[in-house]
Amino acid sequence: MKVDILAFGAHPDDIELSCCGTLMNAVDEGKKVGLVDLTQGELGTRGSAELRLKEAHDSAKIIGASFRHNLSMKDGFFEINDFNMKLIIEQIRYCQPDIVLANSESDRHPDHGRAAELVSRACFLSGLLKIETTWNGKRQEKWRPTAVYHYIQDRNLEPHVVVDISRNFEKKIDCLKCFASQFHDPNSKEPETPLTGSDFFDFIRGKAKTYARHIHAEYAEMFTSKRYIGVSDITKLQ
């Protein structure tokens, strides 16, 4: 299952909150994208693991993803260890992405930073011949993505890449609305959280507008990179 972009999220809805507009842009251009959630988000104040899996797959259909996998790591307790690293390496080698998108390296939720390091390290190790992994009983070939970008989440970090998602921003909101258990639902009887207020989508909209302003766009998503970003035609930068 070769894809152009493979997006990882520590929890179902991380991808939607931070980079699904970028993914939908790619799908519009004929690219293949795949999604991988590390956990089922079972520690979330609202909803359940089963419900969030359904919500995640509903959202994946809107995004146009070729697939969405869940690695069932322990929400809140997964560690950077050999076992978890190999789970991610197996996904990378199976999908052979050119670009990997991963959680923010520094964020309010501690799972996000751990997921960022886990995925980043796995992307490098996936390219080492002597690390053996299998898929359906067959040894996998080594594969290293060309680039790893970390999407900006709750904290306002300084971005290295700003992507114009104006044409897909309203579809991004539709993806978020798939996660009715996590965001505003006036009919819910469950406890309130920082994400469930009626003004939360206004926050998402405002943040996307703030960064977009610098590239003369309406809405944007933001990414950081650990390496230099090269272009062949400087006149195409916004």
C-alpha atoms as a PDB file:
ATOM      1  CA  MET A   1       0.000   0.000   0.000  1.00  0.00           C
ATOM      2  CA  LYS A   2       2.301   2.730  -1.278  1.00  0.00           C
ATOM      3  CA  VAL A   3       1.194   6.221  -0.223  1.00  0.00           C
ATOM      4  CA  ASP A   4       2.612   9.661  -0.826  1.00  0.00           C
ATOM      5  CA  ILE A   5       1.911  10.959   2.700  1.00  0.00           C
ATOM      6  CA  LEU A   6       1.514   8.975   5.929  1.00  0.00           C
ATOM      7  CA  ALA A   7       0.101  10.946   8.862  1.00  0.00           C
ATOM      8  CA  PHE A   8       0.478   9.751  12.455  1.00  0.00           C
ATOM      9  CA  GLY A   9      -1.492  10.963  15.463  1.00  0.00           C
ATOM     10  CA  ALA A  10      -1.141  10.054  19.128  1.00  0.00           C
ATOM     11  CA  HIS A  11      -4.940  10.118  19.422  1.00  0.00           C
ATOM     12  CA  PRO A  12      -7.859   9.899  17.007  1.00  0.00           C
ATOM     13  CA  ASP A  13      -8.610  13.565  16.107  1.00  0.00           C
ATOM     14  CA  ASP A  14      -4.979  14.828  16.353  1.00  0.00           C
ATOM     15  CA  ILE A  15      -4.700  14.563  12.578  1.00  0.00           C
ATOM     16  CA  GLU A  16      -8.035  16.323  12.057  1.00  0.00           C
ATOM     17  CA  LEU A  17      -7.170  19.178  14.394  1.00  0.00           C
ATOM     18  CA  SER A  18      -3.770  19.844  12.875  1.00  0.00           C
ATOM     19  CA  CYS A  19      -3.129  18.568   9.353  1.00  0.00           C
ATOM     20  CA  CYS A  20      -6.219  17.152   7.626  1.00  0.00           C
ATOM     21  CA  GLY A  21      -6.532  20.232   5.403  1.00  0.00           C
ATOM     22  CA  THR A  22      -3.037  19.578   4.074  1.00  0.00           C
ATOM     23  CA  LEU A  23      -3.952  15.940   3.476  1.00  0.00           C
ATOM     24  CA  MET A  24      -7.122  16.877   1.593  1.00  0.00           C
ATOM     25  CA  ASN A  25      -5.099  19.264  -0.576  1.00  0.00           C
ATOM     26  CA  ALA A  26      -2.882  16.322  -1.481  1.00  0.00           C
ATOM     27  CA  VAL A  27      -5.849  14.058  -2.246  1.00  0.00           C
ATOM     28  CA  ASP A  28      -7.263  16.790  -4.508  1.00  0.00           C
ATOM     29  CA  GLU A  29      -4.006  16.639  -6.455  1.00  0.00           C
ATOM     30  CA  GLY A  30      -4.245  12.876  -6.949  1.00  0.00           C
ATOM     31  CA  LYS A  31      -1.907  11.895  -4.119  1.00  0.00           C
ATOM     32  CA  LYS A  32      -2.511   8.900  -1.832  1.00  0.00           C
ATOM     33  CA  VAL A  33      -2.586   9.461   1.917  1.00  0.00           C
ATOM     34  CA  GLY A  34      -2.776   7.058   4.841  1.00  0.00           C
ATOM     35  CA  LEU A  35      -3.585   7.668   8.516  1.00  0.00           C
ATOM     36  CA  VAL A  36      -2.236   5.906  11.628  1.00  0.00           C
ATOM     37  CA  ASP A  37      -3.464   6.556  15.171  1.00  0.00           C
ATOM     38  CA  LEU A  38      -1.153   5.319  17.916  1.00  0.00           C
ATOM     39  CA  THR A  39      -3.872   4.974  20.575  1.00  0.00           C
ATOM     40  CA  GLN A  40      -7.642   4.684  20.703  1.00  0.00           C
ATOM     41  CA  GLY A  41      -7.936   7.780  22.890  1.00  0.00           C
ATOM     42  CA  GLU A  42      -9.498   5.653  25.614  1.00  0.00           C
ATOM     43  CA  LEU A  43      -8.551   8.083  28.399  1.00  0.00           C
ATOM     44  CA  GLY A  44     -10.574  10.914  26.892  1.00  0.00           C
ATOM     45  CA  THR A  45     -13.070  12.454  29.314  1.00  0.00           C
ATOM     46  CA  ARG A  46     -15.893  11.918  26.844  1.00  0.00           C
ATOM     47  CA  GLY A  47     -16.837   9.031  24.625  1.00  0.00           C
ATOM     48  CA  SER A  48     -15.221   5.595  24.461  1.00  0.00           C
ATOM     49  CA  ALA A  49     -12.555   3.809  22.471  1.00  0.00           C
ATOM     50  CA  GLU A  50     -15.201   2.094  20.335  1.00  0.00           C
ATOM     51  CA  LEU A  51     -17.002   5.344  19.560  1.00  0.00           C
ATOM     52  CA  ARG A  52     -13.796   7.176  18.709  1.00  0.00           C
ATOM     53  CA  LEU A  53     -12.780   4.434  16.286  1.00  0.00           C
ATOM     54  CA  LYS A  54     -16.072   4.910  14.440  1.00  0.00           C
ATOM     55  CA  GLU A  55     -15.660   8.691  14.476  1.00  0.00           C
ATOM     56  CA  ALA A  56     -12.115   8.335  13.148  1.00  0.00           C
ATOM     57  CA  HIS A  57     -13.207   6.169  10.224  1.00  0.00           C
ATOM     58  CA  ASP A  58     -16.068   8.538   9.382  1.00  0.00           C
ATOM     59  CA  SER A  59     -13.580  11.389   9.242  1.00  0.00           C
ATOM     60  CA  ALA A  60     -11.123   9.365   7.134  1.00  0.00           C
ATOM     61  CA  LYS A  61     -13.818   9.027   4.466  1.00  0.00           C
ATOM     62  CA  ILE A  62     -14.163  12.816   4.245  1.00  0.00           C
ATOM     63  CA  ILE A  63     -10.389  13.225   4.040  1.00  0.00           C
ATOM     64  CA  GLY A  64     -10.232  10.655   1.255  1.00  0.00           C
ATOM     65  CA  ALA A  65      -7.595   8.536   2.984  1.00  0.00           C
ATOM     66  CA  SER A  66      -6.700   5.174   1.480  1.00  0.00           C
ATOM     67  CA  PHE A  67      -6.807   3.604   4.949  1.00  0.00           C
ATOM     68  CA  ARG A  68      -6.747   4.370   8.674  1.00  0.00           C
ATOM     69  CA  HIS A  69      -4.892   2.026  11.038  1.00  0.00           C
ATOM     70  CA  ASN A  70      -4.878   2.029  14.841  1.00  0.00           C
ATOM     71  CA  LEU A  71      -1.862   0.594  16.697  1.00  0.00           C
ATOM     72  CA  SER A  72      -3.712   0.273  20.052  1.00  0.00           C
ATOM     73  CA  MET A  73      -0.882   1.658  22.168  1.00  0.00           C
ATOM     74  CA  LYS A  74      -1.910   2.656  25.700  1.00  0.00           C
ATOM     75  CA  ASP A  75      -3.347   6.159  25.776  1.00  0.00           C
ATOM     76  CA  GLY A  76      -1.341   8.254  28.240  1.00  0.00           C
ATOM     77  CA  PHE A  77       1.105   5.444  28.996  1.00  0.00           C
ATOM     78  CA  PHE A  78       2.798   4.451  25.731  1.00  0.00           C
ATOM     79  CA  GLU A  79       6.567   4.727  25.883  1.00  0.00           C
ATOM     80  CA  ILE A  80       9.429   5.195  23.468  1.00  0.00           C
ATOM     81  CA  ASN A  81      10.656   1.601  23.416  1.00  0.00           C
ATOM     82  CA  ASP A  82      11.716  -1.100  20.966  1.00  0.00           C
ATOM     83  CA  PHE A  83       8.259  -2.689  20.730  1.00  0.00           C
ATOM     84  CA  ASN A  84       6.409   0.522  19.881  1.00  0.00           C
ATOM     85  CA  MET A  85       9.199   1.648  17.566  1.00  0.00           C
ATOM     86  CA  LYS A  86       8.862  -1.549  15.544  1.00  0.00           C
ATOM     87  CA  LEU A  87       5.087  -1.153  15.290  1.00  0.00           C
ATOM     88  CA  ILE A  88       5.661   2.186  13.573  1.00  0.00           C
ATOM     89  CA  ILE A  89       8.538   0.902  11.439  1.00  0.00           C
ATOM     90  CA  GLU A  90       6.212  -1.840  10.139  1.00  0.00           C
ATOM     91  CA  GLN A  91       3.676   0.803   9.089  1.00  0.00           C
ATOM     92  CA  ILE A  92       6.332   2.923   7.368  1.00  0.00           C
ATOM     93  CA  ARG A  93       7.779  -0.020   5.473  1.00  0.00           C
ATOM     94  CA  TYR A  94       4.327  -1.255   4.486  1.00  0.00           C
ATOM     95  CA  CYS A  95       3.187   2.170   3.213  1.00  0.00           C
ATOM     96  CA  GLN A  96       6.530   3.474   1.893  1.00  0.00           C
ATOM     97  CA  PRO A  97       5.562   7.152   2.276  1.00  0.00           C
ATOM     98  CA  ASP A  98       7.620   9.945   0.783  1.00  0.00           C
ATOM     99  CA  ILE A  99       6.437  12.321   3.524  1.00  0.00           C
ATOM    100  CA  VAL A 100       5.484  11.590   7.125  1.00  0.00           C
ATOM    101  CA  LEU A 101       3.434  13.980   9.250  1.00  0.00           C
ATOM    102  CA  ALA A 102       3.654  13.594  13.028  1.00  0.00           C
ATOM    103  CA  ASN A 103       2.601  15.230  16.278  1.00  0.00           C
ATOM    104  CA  SER A 104       4.062  18.448  17.607  1.00  0.00           C
ATOM    105  CA  GLU A 105       7.453  18.063  19.298  1.00  0.00           C
ATOM    106  CA  SER A 106       6.291  20.209  22.224  1.00  0.00           C
ATOM    107  CA  ASP A 107       2.684  20.542  23.321  1.00  0.00           C
ATOM    108  CA  ARG A 108       0.259  20.714  26.247  1.00  0.00           C
ATOM    109  CA  HIS A 109      -0.535  16.985  26.126  1.00  0.00           C
ATOM    110  CA  PRO A 110       2.582  14.927  27.003  1.00  0.00           C
ATOM    111  CA  ASP A 111       1.541  12.160  24.579  1.00  0.00           C
ATOM    112  CA  HIS A 112       2.102  14.533  21.668  1.00  0.00           C
ATOM    113  CA  GLY A 113       5.802  15.120  22.311  1.00  0.00           C
ATOM    114  CA  ARG A 114       6.430  11.411  22.936  1.00  0.00           C
ATOM    115  CA  ALA A 115       4.582  10.480  19.752  1.00  0.00           C
ATOM    116  CA  ALA A 116       6.632  13.039  17.814  1.00  0.00           C
ATOM    117  CA  GLU A 117       9.923  11.541  18.982  1.00  0.00           C
ATOM    118  CA  LEU A 118       8.699   7.981  18.520  1.00  0.00           C
ATOM    119  CA  VAL A 119       7.649   8.576  14.914  1.00  0.00           C
ATOM    120  CA  SER A 120      10.707  10.669  14.055  1.00  0.00           C
ATOM    121  CA  ARG A 121      13.109   8.021  15.340  1.00  0.00           C
ATOM    122  CA  ALA A 122      11.157   5.236  13.662  1.00  0.00           C
ATOM    123  CA  CYS A 123      11.404   7.044  10.311  1.00  0.00           C
ATOM    124  CA  PHE A 124      15.189   6.967  10.565  1.00  0.00           C
ATOM    125  CA  LEU A 125      15.444   3.407  11.886  1.00  0.00           C
ATOM    126  CA  SER A 126      13.096   2.174   9.169  1.00  0.00           C
ATOM    127  CA  GLY A 127      15.888   2.841   6.689  1.00  0.00           C
ATOM    128  CA  LEU A 128      18.355   0.529   8.419  1.00  0.00           C
ATOM    129  CA  LEU A 129      18.806  -2.838   6.707  1.00  0.00           C
ATOM    130  CA  LYS A 130      19.686  -4.763   9.882  1.00  0.00           C
ATOM    131  CA  ILE A 131      16.437  -3.930  11.654  1.00  0.00           C
ATOM    132  CA  GLU A 132      14.144  -6.798  10.698  1.00  0.00           C
ATOM    133  CA  THR A 133      10.358  -6.521  10.560  1.00  0.00           C
ATOM    134  CA  THR A 134       7.705  -8.673   8.941  1.00  0.00           C
ATOM    135  CA  TRP A 135       4.257  -8.098   7.426  1.00  0.00           C
ATOM    136  CA  ASN A 136       1.937 -11.071   6.863  1.00  0.00           C
ATOM    137  CA  GLY A 137       4.845 -13.405   7.486  1.00  0.00           C
ATOM    138  CA  LYS A 138       7.129 -11.807   4.887  1.00  0.00           C
ATOM    139  CA  ARG A 139      10.266  -9.835   5.670  1.00  0.00           C
ATOM    140  CA  GLN A 140       9.855  -6.144   4.862  1.00  0.00           C
ATOM    141  CA  GLU A 141      12.253  -4.066   2.803  1.00  0.00           C
ATOM    142  CA  LYS A 142      13.905  -1.057   4.438  1.00  0.00           C
ATOM    143  CA  TRP A 143      12.354   2.340   3.711  1.00  0.00           C
ATOM    144  CA  ARG A 144      13.142   5.861   4.867  1.00  0.00           C
ATOM    145  CA  PRO A 145      10.771   8.769   4.109  1.00  0.00           C
ATOM    146  CA  THR A 146      12.241  11.793   2.354  1.00  0.00           C
ATOM    147  CA  ALA A 147      10.899  14.211   4.965  1.00  0.00           C
ATOM    148  CA  VAL A 148       9.223  14.292   8.379  1.00  0.00           C
ATOM    149  CA  TYR A 149       7.130  17.329   9.319  1.00  0.00           C
ATOM    150  CA  HIS A 150       5.631  17.936  12.754  1.00  0.00           C
ATOM    151  CA  TYR A 151       2.256  19.652  12.741  1.00  0.00           C
ATOM    152  CA  ILE A 152       1.662  22.459  15.232  1.00  0.00           C
ATOM    153  CA  GLN A 153      -1.105  21.690  17.725  1.00  0.00           C
ATOM    154  CA  ASP A 154      -2.229  23.532  20.856  1.00  0.00           C
ATOM    155  CA  ARG A 155       0.915  25.581  21.523  1.00  0.00           C
ATOM    156  CA  ASN A 156       1.821  28.410  19.163  1.00  0.00           C
ATOM    157  CA  LEU A 157       5.245  27.356  17.934  1.00  0.00           C
ATOM    158  CA  GLU A 158       7.266  29.094  15.231  1.00  0.00           C
ATOM    159  CA  PRO A 159       6.461  27.248  11.973  1.00  0.00           C
ATOM    160  CA  HIS A 160       8.936  26.351   9.243  1.00  0.00           C
ATOM    161  CA  VAL A 161       6.200  25.528   6.713  1.00  0.00           C
ATOM    162  CA  VAL A 162       2.769  27.147   6.362  1.00  0.00           C
ATOM    163  CA  VAL A 163       0.304  25.385   4.039  1.00  0.00           C
ATOM    164  CA  ASP A 164      -2.631  27.191   2.443  1.00  0.00           C
ATOM    165  CA  ILE A 165      -5.719  25.055   3.170  1.00  0.00           C
ATOM    166  CA  SER A 166      -8.325  27.688   2.299  1.00  0.00           C
ATOM    167  CA  ARG A 167     -10.115  25.519  -0.248  1.00  0.00           C
ATOM    168  CA  ASN A 168     -10.485  22.672   2.247  1.00  0.00           C
ATOM    169  CA  PHE A 169     -10.968  24.497   5.537  1.00  0.00           C
ATOM    170  CA  GLU A 170     -14.735  23.948   5.742  1.00  0.00           C
ATOM    171  CA  LYS A 171     -14.197  20.235   5.054  1.00  0.00           C
ATOM    172  CA  LYS A 172     -11.681  20.278   7.924  1.00  0.00           C
ATOM    173  CA  ILE A 173     -14.493  21.513  10.176  1.00  0.00           C
ATOM    174  CA  ASP A 174     -16.696  18.690   8.829  1.00  0.00           C
ATOM    175  CA  CYS A 175     -13.966  16.212   9.825  1.00  0.00           C
ATOM    176  CA  LEU A 176     -13.856  17.643  13.337  1.00  0.00           C
ATOM    177  CA  LYS A 177     -17.631  17.404  13.600  1.00  0.00           C
ATOM    178  CA  CYS A 178     -17.307  13.651  13.044  1.00  0.00           C
ATOM    179  CA  PHE A 179     -15.833  13.562  16.545  1.00  0.00           C
ATOM    180  CA  ALA A 180     -19.064  14.593  18.218  1.00  0.00           C
ATOM    181  CA  SER A 181     -17.980  12.860  21.429  1.00  0.00           C
ATOM    182  CA  GLN A 182     -14.967  15.170  21.739  1.00  0.00           C
ATOM    183  CA  PHE A 183     -16.217  18.549  20.552  1.00  0.00           C
ATOM    184  CA  HIS A 184     -19.268  20.727  21.031  1.00  0.00           C
ATOM    185  CA  ASP A 185     -22.523  18.784  21.282  1.00  0.00           C
ATOM    186  CA  PRO A 186     -25.397  20.678  22.928  1.00  0.00           C
ATOM    187  CA  ASN A 187     -27.203  17.385  23.564  1.00  0.00           C
ATOM    188  CA  SER A 188     -24.327  15.736  25.449  1.00  0.00           C
ATOM    189  CA  LYS A 189     -24.727  14.988  29.150  1.00  0.00           C
ATOM    190  CA  GLU A 190     -21.030  14.211  29.629  1.00  0.00           C
ATOM    191  CA  PRO A 191     -18.535  16.475  31.485  1.00  0.00           C
ATOM    192  CA  GLU A 192     -17.304  19.662  29.836  1.00  0.00           C
ATOM    193  CA  THR A 193     -13.677  19.827  28.618  1.00  0.00           C
ATOM    194  CA  PRO A 194     -11.541  22.569  27.026  1.00  0.00           C
ATOM    195  CA  LEU A 195     -12.616  21.200  23.613  1.00  0.00           C
ATOM    196  CA  THR A 196     -16.369  21.050  24.097  1.00  0.00           C
ATOM    197  CA  GLY A 197     -17.230  24.748  24.318  1.00  0.00           C
ATOM    198  CA  SER A 198     -19.290  26.234  21.504  1.00  0.00           C
ATOM    199  CA  ASP A 199     -16.412  28.642  20.789  1.00  0.00           C
ATOM    200  CA  PHE A 200     -13.779  25.943  20.182  1.00  0.00           C
ATOM    201  CA  PHE A 201     -14.279  25.910  16.406  1.00  0.00           C
ATOM    202  CA  ASP A 202     -13.863  29.696  16.505  1.00  0.00           C
ATOM    203  CA  PHE A 203     -10.456  29.105  18.097  1.00  0.00           C
ATOM    204  CA  ILE A 204      -9.496  26.653  15.324  1.00  0.00           C
ATOM    205  CA  ARG A 205     -10.689  29.104  12.688  1.00  0.00           C
ATOM    206  CA  GLY A 206      -8.864  32.035  14.282  1.00  0.00           C
ATOM    207  CA  LYS A 207      -5.585  30.151  14.587  1.00  0.00           C
ATOM    208  CA  ALA A 208      -5.761  29.047  10.959  1.00  0.00           C
ATOM    209  CA  LYS A 209      -6.439  32.639   9.906  1.00  0.00           C
ATOM    210  CA  THR A 210      -3.590  34.055  12.020  1.00  0.00           C
ATOM    211  CA  TYR A 211      -0.883  31.983  10.338  1.00  0.00           C
ATOM    212  CA  ALA A 212      -2.485  32.223   6.886  1.00  0.00           C
ATOM    213  CA  ARG A 213      -2.212  36.002   6.978  1.00  0.00           C
ATOM    214  CA  HIS A 214       1.569  35.762   6.602  1.00  0.00           C
ATOM    215  CA  ILE A 215       1.274  33.890   3.304  1.00  0.00           C
ATOM    216  CA  HIS A 216      -1.608  35.986   1.943  1.00  0.00           C
ATOM    217  CA  ALA A 217      -4.125  33.148   2.347  1.00  0.00           C
ATOM    218  CA  GLU A 218      -7.383  32.764   4.249  1.00  0.00           C
ATOM    219  CA  TYR A 219      -6.674  29.591   6.254  1.00  0.00           C
ATOM    220  CA  ALA A 220      -3.508  27.592   6.907  1.00  0.00           C
ATOM    221  CA  GLU A 221      -1.938  24.679   8.763  1.00  0.00           C
ATOM    222  CA  MET A 222       1.557  24.902  10.213  1.00  0.00           C
ATOM    223  CA  PHE A 223       4.515  22.532  10.472  1.00  0.00           C
ATOM    224  CA  THR A 224       8.039  22.390  11.866  1.00  0.00           C
ATOM    225  CA  SER A 225      10.993  20.496  10.422  1.00  0.00           C
ATOM    226  CA  LYS A 226      14.274  19.273  11.876  1.00  0.00           C
ATOM    227  CA  ARG A 227      16.095  19.689   8.567  1.00  0.00           C
ATOM    228  CA  TYR A 228      16.381  22.301   5.851  1.00  0.00           C
ATOM    229  CA  ILE A 229      13.482  22.525   3.412  1.00  0.00           C
ATOM    230  CA  GLY A 230      14.542  22.814  -0.234  1.00  0.00           C
ATOM    231  CA  VAL A 231      12.706  24.151  -3.273  1.00  0.00           C
ATOM    232  CA  SER A 232      13.636  24.137  -6.951  1.00  0.00           C
ATOM    233  CA  ASP A 233      11.612  27.218  -7.898  1.00  0.00           C
ATOM    234  CA  ILE A 234      11.667  30.109  -5.419  1.00  0.00           C
ATOM    235  CA  THR A 235       9.030  31.992  -7.422  1.00  0.00           C
ATOM    236  CA  LYS A 236       6.385  29.453  -6.346  1.00  0.00           C
ATOM    237  CA  LEU A 237       6.670  30.317  -2.649  1.00  0.00           C
ATOM    238  CA  GLN A 238       3.752  32.340  -1.257  1.00  0.00           C
END
